[in-house]
Amino acid sequence: MKKLLYIIFLLCLATSLKAQTFIKAENDTTVKSEYYDGKLWAYRQVGDFVVGMTNYKTKDDYGKYYQIAIFIKNLGKESF
């Protein structure tokens, strides 16, 4: 559980600082990124969990702001 929260925190921090720009470390092979519906998603698998995140600008009646979307999937056989 601590690992999962740590990864989510790091992804939030890394993605929110650069908005839509994701800079992957050269020696890090655990992070994968892809575009889905025009948004850049960054994914990392830790054990039986896949955690993904994106950050994008959006606009509505209140104004412009950033929104963070998080994807979490359990690949294991046990519920969590």
N, C-alpha and C. Protein backbone atom coordinates (compact mmCIF):
# COMPACT_ATOMS: atom_id res chain seq x y z
N MET A 1 0.83 -1.19 0.00
CA MET A 1 0.00 0.00 0.00
C MET A 1 0.87 1.26 0.00
N LYS A 2 1.94 1.22 0.80
CA LYS A 2 2.83 2.38 0.86
C LYS A 2 3.49 2.63 -0.49
N LYS A 3 3.88 1.54 -1.18
CA LYS A 3 4.50 1.69 -2.50
C LYS A 3 3.54 2.35 -3.47
N LEU A 4 2.29 1.90 -3.45
CA LEU A 4 1.28 2.44 -4.36
C LEU A 4 1.07 3.93 -4.12
N LEU A 5 0.94 4.33 -2.88
CA LEU A 5 0.75 5.74 -2.55
C LEU A 5 1.99 6.56 -2.91
N TYR A 6 3.16 5.98 -2.70
CA TYR A 6 4.41 6.66 -3.05
C TYR A 6 4.50 6.89 -4.55
N ILE A 7 4.13 5.89 -5.33
CA ILE A 7 4.17 6.02 -6.79
C ILE A 7 3.16 7.06 -7.26
N ILE A 8 1.96 7.03 -6.70
CA ILE A 8 0.94 8.01 -7.09
C ILE A 8 1.42 9.42 -6.76
N PHE A 9 2.01 9.60 -5.59
CA PHE A 9 2.53 10.91 -5.20
C PHE A 9 3.61 11.39 -6.16
N LEU A 10 4.55 10.51 -6.50
CA LEU A 10 5.62 10.89 -7.42
C LEU A 10 5.08 11.22 -8.81
N LEU A 11 4.15 10.43 -9.27
CA LEU A 11 3.55 10.72 -10.58
C LEU A 11 2.81 12.05 -10.57
N CYS A 12 2.07 12.31 -9.50
CA CYS A 12 1.36 13.59 -9.38
C CYS A 12 2.35 14.75 -9.39
N LEU A 13 3.38 14.64 -8.62
CA LEU A 13 4.36 15.70 -8.52
C LEU A 13 5.07 15.91 -9.86
N ALA A 14 5.54 14.83 -10.45
CA ALA A 14 6.29 14.94 -11.71
C ALA A 14 5.42 15.47 -12.84
N THR A 15 4.20 15.01 -12.92
CA THR A 15 3.33 15.42 -14.02
C THR A 15 2.79 16.82 -13.82
N SER A 16 2.45 17.19 -12.60
CA SER A 16 1.85 18.50 -12.39
C SER A 16 2.86 19.64 -12.55
N LEU A 17 4.13 19.36 -12.33
CA LEU A 17 5.12 20.42 -12.47
C LEU A 17 5.36 20.82 -13.91
N LYS A 18 5.21 19.91 -14.83
CA LYS A 18 5.49 20.16 -16.23
C LYS A 18 4.23 20.15 -17.09
N ALA A 19 3.07 20.05 -16.49
CA ALA A 19 1.79 19.98 -17.19
C ALA A 19 1.78 18.79 -18.13
N GLN A 20 1.84 18.98 -19.42
CA GLN A 20 1.71 17.89 -20.37
C GLN A 20 3.06 17.32 -20.79
N THR A 21 4.16 17.83 -20.32
CA THR A 21 5.47 17.34 -20.72
C THR A 21 5.94 16.29 -19.72
N PHE A 22 6.24 15.10 -20.21
CA PHE A 22 6.75 14.03 -19.36
C PHE A 22 8.18 13.73 -19.79
N ILE A 23 9.10 13.88 -18.86
CA ILE A 23 10.51 13.63 -19.15
C ILE A 23 10.92 12.37 -18.40
N LYS A 24 11.22 11.32 -19.15
CA LYS A 24 11.57 10.04 -18.57
C LYS A 24 13.09 9.95 -18.39
N ALA A 25 13.53 9.42 -17.26
CA ALA A 25 14.96 9.22 -17.04
C ALA A 25 15.49 8.20 -18.04
N GLU A 26 16.70 8.41 -18.51
CA GLU A 26 17.27 7.55 -19.53
C GLU A 26 17.42 6.10 -19.09
N ASN A 27 17.79 5.88 -17.85
CA ASN A 27 18.02 4.52 -17.37
C ASN A 27 16.78 3.87 -16.75
N ASP A 28 15.64 4.52 -16.77
CA ASP A 28 14.42 3.98 -16.17
C ASP A 28 13.60 3.25 -17.23
N THR A 29 13.59 1.93 -17.15
CA THR A 29 12.84 1.13 -18.13
C THR A 29 11.47 0.72 -17.60
N THR A 30 11.12 1.11 -16.37
CA THR A 30 9.84 0.71 -15.80
C THR A 30 8.70 1.65 -16.17
N VAL A 31 9.01 2.83 -16.64
CA VAL A 31 7.98 3.80 -16.99
C VAL A 31 7.70 3.74 -18.48
N LYS A 32 6.42 3.64 -18.81
CA LYS A 32 6.00 3.66 -20.20
C LYS A 32 5.05 4.83 -20.39
N SER A 33 5.09 5.45 -21.56
CA SER A 33 4.18 6.57 -21.82
C SER A 33 3.54 6.37 -23.18
N GLU A 34 2.32 6.90 -23.31
CA GLU A 34 1.58 6.82 -24.56
C GLU A 34 0.54 7.93 -24.60
N TYR A 35 0.13 8.28 -25.81
CA TYR A 35 -0.94 9.24 -25.99
C TYR A 35 -2.25 8.50 -26.14
N TYR A 36 -3.26 8.93 -25.43
CA TYR A 36 -4.60 8.36 -25.53
C TYR A 36 -5.59 9.52 -25.54
N ASP A 37 -6.36 9.64 -26.59
CA ASP A 37 -7.30 10.76 -26.78
C ASP A 37 -6.61 12.12 -26.68
N GLY A 38 -5.40 12.20 -27.19
CA GLY A 38 -4.67 13.46 -27.21
C GLY A 38 -4.00 13.84 -25.91
N LYS A 39 -4.05 12.96 -24.91
CA LYS A 39 -3.42 13.23 -23.61
C LYS A 39 -2.26 12.27 -23.41
N LEU A 40 -1.16 12.78 -22.90
CA LEU A 40 0.02 11.96 -22.62
C LEU A 40 -0.15 11.27 -21.28
N TRP A 41 -0.14 9.93 -21.29
CA TRP A 41 -0.27 9.12 -20.08
C TRP A 41 1.08 8.51 -19.76
N ALA A 42 1.44 8.47 -18.48
CA ALA A 42 2.65 7.80 -18.00
C ALA A 42 2.21 6.63 -17.12
N TYR A 43 2.76 5.44 -17.38
CA TYR A 43 2.39 4.23 -16.64
C TYR A 43 3.62 3.62 -16.00
N ARG A 44 3.39 2.99 -14.84
CA ARG A 44 4.45 2.23 -14.18
C ARG A 44 3.81 1.01 -13.52
N GLN A 45 4.45 -0.14 -13.70
CA GLN A 45 3.97 -1.36 -13.05
C GLN A 45 4.86 -1.67 -11.86
N VAL A 46 4.21 -1.85 -10.71
CA VAL A 46 4.91 -2.22 -9.48
C VAL A 46 4.21 -3.45 -8.94
N GLY A 47 4.91 -4.58 -9.01
CA GLY A 47 4.30 -5.83 -8.57
C GLY A 47 3.09 -6.15 -9.42
N ASP A 48 1.94 -6.33 -8.77
CA ASP A 48 0.71 -6.64 -9.48
C ASP A 48 -0.15 -5.42 -9.78
N PHE A 49 0.41 -4.23 -9.60
CA PHE A 49 -0.35 -3.01 -9.83
C PHE A 49 0.22 -2.22 -11.01
N VAL A 50 -0.69 -1.64 -11.79
CA VAL A 50 -0.30 -0.69 -12.83
C VAL A 50 -0.92 0.64 -12.43
N VAL A 51 -0.07 1.66 -12.37
CA VAL A 51 -0.54 3.00 -12.02
C VAL A 51 -0.21 3.92 -13.19
N GLY A 52 -1.22 4.64 -13.65
CA GLY A 52 -1.04 5.59 -14.75
C GLY A 52 -1.59 6.94 -14.36
N MET A 53 -1.06 7.97 -15.03
CA MET A 53 -1.50 9.32 -14.68
C MET A 53 -1.30 10.26 -15.85
N THR A 54 -2.19 11.23 -15.96
CA THR A 54 -2.06 12.30 -16.93
C THR A 54 -2.48 13.61 -16.28
N ASN A 55 -2.02 14.69 -16.86
CA ASN A 55 -2.35 16.03 -16.38
C ASN A 55 -2.62 16.88 -17.62
N TYR A 56 -3.72 17.60 -17.62
CA TYR A 56 -4.07 18.39 -18.80
C TYR A 56 -4.85 19.64 -18.41
N LYS A 57 -4.81 20.63 -19.31
CA LYS A 57 -5.57 21.86 -19.09
C LYS A 57 -6.99 21.64 -19.59
N THR A 58 -7.93 22.21 -18.88
CA THR A 58 -9.33 22.15 -19.30
C THR A 58 -9.98 23.50 -19.01
N LYS A 59 -11.11 23.73 -19.62
CA LYS A 59 -11.81 25.00 -19.47
C LYS A 59 -13.30 24.73 -19.34
N ASP A 60 -13.93 25.42 -18.40
CA ASP A 60 -15.38 25.34 -18.27
C ASP A 60 -15.91 26.72 -17.90
N ASP A 61 -17.12 26.77 -17.36
CA ASP A 61 -17.75 28.06 -17.03
C ASP A 61 -16.99 28.83 -15.95
N TYR A 62 -16.21 28.13 -15.12
CA TYR A 62 -15.46 28.78 -14.05
C TYR A 62 -14.12 29.32 -14.50
N GLY A 63 -13.61 28.83 -15.63
CA GLY A 63 -12.32 29.30 -16.13
C GLY A 63 -11.43 28.14 -16.56
N LYS A 64 -10.15 28.44 -16.70
CA LYS A 64 -9.16 27.44 -17.10
C LYS A 64 -8.47 26.88 -15.86
N TYR A 65 -8.20 25.59 -15.88
CA TYR A 65 -7.50 24.96 -14.78
C TYR A 65 -6.89 23.64 -15.26
N TYR A 66 -6.04 23.04 -14.42
CA TYR A 66 -5.43 21.75 -14.71
C TYR A 66 -6.23 20.66 -14.03
N GLN A 67 -6.32 19.52 -14.69
CA GLN A 67 -7.00 18.37 -14.12
C GLN A 67 -6.05 17.17 -14.18
N ILE A 68 -6.05 16.38 -13.12
CA ILE A 68 -5.22 15.18 -13.03
C ILE A 68 -6.13 13.97 -13.09
N ALA A 69 -5.82 13.03 -13.98
CA ALA A 69 -6.55 11.76 -14.08
C ALA A 69 -5.60 10.64 -13.69
N ILE A 70 -6.10 9.70 -12.88
CA ILE A 70 -5.28 8.60 -12.38
C ILE A 70 -5.94 7.28 -12.77
N PHE A 71 -5.12 6.32 -13.20
CA PHE A 71 -5.55 4.99 -13.59
C PHE A 71 -4.83 3.99 -12.69
N ILE A 72 -5.59 3.12 -12.00
CA ILE A 72 -5.00 2.10 -11.15
C ILE A 72 -5.65 0.77 -11.50
N LYS A 73 -4.82 -0.25 -11.77
CA LYS A 73 -5.35 -1.56 -12.13
C LYS A 73 -4.61 -2.63 -11.33
N ASN A 74 -5.39 -3.56 -10.76
CA ASN A 74 -4.84 -4.68 -10.01
C ASN A 74 -4.75 -5.86 -10.97
N LEU A 75 -3.54 -6.33 -11.26
CA LEU A 75 -3.34 -7.48 -12.15
C LEU A 75 -3.28 -8.79 -11.38
N GLY A 76 -3.29 -8.73 -10.07
CA GLY A 76 -3.18 -9.93 -9.23
C GLY A 76 -4.51 -10.67 -9.14
N LYS A 77 -4.44 -11.84 -8.53
CA LYS A 77 -5.63 -12.68 -8.37
C LYS A 77 -6.40 -12.33 -7.10
N GLU A 78 -5.74 -11.66 -6.16
CA GLU A 78 -6.38 -11.28 -4.91
C GLU A 78 -6.95 -9.87 -5.00
N SER A 79 -8.10 -9.67 -4.35
CA SER A 79 -8.66 -8.32 -4.32
C SER A 79 -7.86 -7.48 -3.35
N PHE A 80 -7.93 -6.18 -3.53
CA PHE A 80 -7.13 -5.27 -2.71
C PHE A 80 -8.03 -4.22 -2.13
